[in-house]
Amino acid sequence: MPSQPSRKNIYPNRDIATPEPVPGRAHIDIQTEKYVEQLTDKPPESEAGVATEFYLDRPPVPLFQPRMPSKENCKDTQIYDGDPDLFDFNREIEPMLNVLCGKTLE
């Protein structure tokens, strides 16, 4: 069994030895006493100015008024009576209303 090197006790009034540092670390002495630094000189002061650009006055934005289309550009839709491709409201809505009323009354 190899003998361990003797360590000098750095805390003579303490019974417990300081553990070894973990690998990759080292113990160092730190200052634990109160330390007050009295400032005698005034720190340097400086002033700096900032210039901003002035906004240019713009005229007020006019109110948007859309143009009315001319009669030449208007499109028409021709609807023929009894056209089977058109939606017949009374015929198409009746089954939906029956379902909604039936579910409401349940």
Protein backbone atom coordinates (compact mmCIF):
# COMPACT_ATOMS: atom_id res chain seq x y z
CA MET A 1 0.00 0.00 0.00
CA PRO A 2 1.57 3.30 -1.08
CA SER A 3 2.01 5.85 1.65
CA GLN A 4 0.10 9.09 1.31
CA PRO A 5 2.07 12.32 1.34
CA SER A 6 1.73 14.16 4.62
CA ARG A 7 -0.39 17.25 4.42
CA LYS A 8 0.24 20.35 6.40
CA ASN A 9 -2.78 21.34 8.47
CA ILE A 10 -3.66 24.85 7.32
CA TYR A 11 -6.45 25.10 9.89
CA PRO A 12 -4.81 24.36 13.24
CA ASN A 13 -7.93 25.04 15.32
CA ARG A 14 -10.11 22.79 13.20
CA ASP A 15 -10.46 19.06 13.73
CA ILE A 16 -11.89 18.21 10.27
CA ALA A 17 -9.49 18.28 7.33
CA THR A 18 -10.46 19.98 4.08
CA PRO A 19 -11.43 17.43 1.42
CA GLU A 20 -9.33 17.13 -1.69
CA PRO A 21 -10.51 19.15 -4.71
CA VAL A 22 -12.34 17.31 -7.45
CA PRO A 23 -10.26 16.48 -10.55
CA GLY A 24 -9.67 19.52 -12.73
CA ARG A 25 -10.15 21.99 -9.85
CA ALA A 26 -7.85 23.50 -7.24
CA HIS A 27 -8.35 25.06 -3.83
CA ILE A 28 -7.45 28.74 -3.62
CA ASP A 29 -7.40 31.25 -0.80
CA ILE A 30 -10.14 33.88 -0.90
CA GLN A 31 -10.69 37.05 1.03
CA THR A 32 -13.56 36.74 3.47
CA GLU A 33 -13.04 39.94 5.40
CA LYS A 34 -15.13 43.02 4.75
CA TYR A 35 -13.45 45.27 2.24
CA VAL A 36 -14.66 48.82 1.77
CA GLU A 37 -13.14 50.91 -0.97
CA GLN A 38 -13.25 54.58 -0.29
CA LEU A 39 -13.50 56.65 -3.43
CA THR A 40 -11.58 59.87 -3.21
CA ASP A 41 -11.67 61.02 -6.82
CA LYS A 42 -14.78 61.90 -8.74
CA PRO A 43 -15.27 59.53 -11.68
CA PRO A 44 -14.97 61.09 -15.15
CA GLU A 45 -18.18 62.47 -16.62
CA SER A 46 -18.99 63.33 -20.20
CA GLU A 47 -22.00 64.62 -22.09
CA ALA A 48 -23.08 63.62 -25.54
CA GLY A 49 -25.71 65.18 -27.74
CA VAL A 50 -28.01 63.39 -30.15
CA ALA A 51 -29.49 65.02 -33.21
CA THR A 52 -32.69 63.71 -34.73
CA GLU A 53 -34.07 64.42 -38.15
CA PHE A 54 -37.08 66.65 -38.32
CA TYR A 55 -40.17 65.21 -39.95
CA LEU A 56 -41.15 66.98 -43.13
CA ASP A 57 -44.68 68.29 -43.16
CA ARG A 58 -46.84 66.33 -45.57
CA PRO A 59 -50.20 67.35 -46.91
CA PRO A 60 -53.13 65.40 -45.45
CA VAL A 61 -54.00 62.17 -47.22
CA PRO A 62 -57.19 62.63 -49.23
CA LEU A 63 -60.21 60.52 -48.33
CA PHE A 64 -60.44 57.38 -50.47
CA GLN A 65 -63.35 57.60 -52.87
CA PRO A 66 -63.62 54.64 -55.26
CA ARG A 67 -64.60 55.42 -58.81
CA MET A 68 -67.92 54.24 -60.08
CA PRO A 69 -67.49 51.82 -62.99
CA SER A 70 -68.57 53.03 -66.37
CA LYS A 71 -71.52 51.41 -68.11
CA GLU A 72 -69.22 49.90 -70.75
CA ASN A 73 -67.28 47.93 -68.14
CA CYS A 74 -70.28 46.58 -66.21
CA LYS A 75 -70.94 42.87 -66.58
CA ASP A 76 -74.43 41.42 -66.62
CA THR A 77 -75.70 38.01 -65.64
CA GLN A 78 -78.62 36.65 -67.58
CA ILE A 79 -81.01 34.61 -65.43
CA TYR A 80 -83.66 32.55 -67.14
CA ASP A 81 -86.86 31.53 -65.37
CA GLY A 82 -86.89 27.86 -64.35
CA ASP A 83 -83.14 27.38 -64.91
CA PRO A 84 -82.28 24.05 -63.15
CA ASP A 85 -78.70 25.20 -62.32
CA LEU A 86 -79.88 28.03 -60.05
CA PHE A 87 -80.46 27.62 -56.31
CA ASP A 88 -84.17 27.40 -55.46
CA PHE A 89 -84.27 28.64 -51.88
CA ASN A 90 -87.69 27.30 -50.89
CA ARG A 91 -86.98 23.84 -52.27
CA GLU A 92 -83.39 23.54 -50.94
CA ILE A 93 -83.90 24.97 -47.46
CA GLU A 94 -86.92 22.89 -46.44
CA PRO A 95 -84.97 19.66 -45.60
CA MET A 96 -82.40 21.63 -43.57
CA LEU A 97 -85.13 23.41 -41.59
CA ASN A 98 -86.86 20.08 -40.87
CA VAL A 99 -83.63 18.65 -39.42
CA LEU A 100 -82.91 21.76 -37.34
CA CYS A 101 -86.45 21.91 -35.94
CA GLY A 102 -86.42 18.16 -35.18
CA LYS A 103 -83.07 18.38 -33.30
CA THR A 104 -84.26 21.44 -31.37
CA LEU A 105 -87.46 19.71 -30.23
CA GLU A 106 -85.61 16.54 -29.10
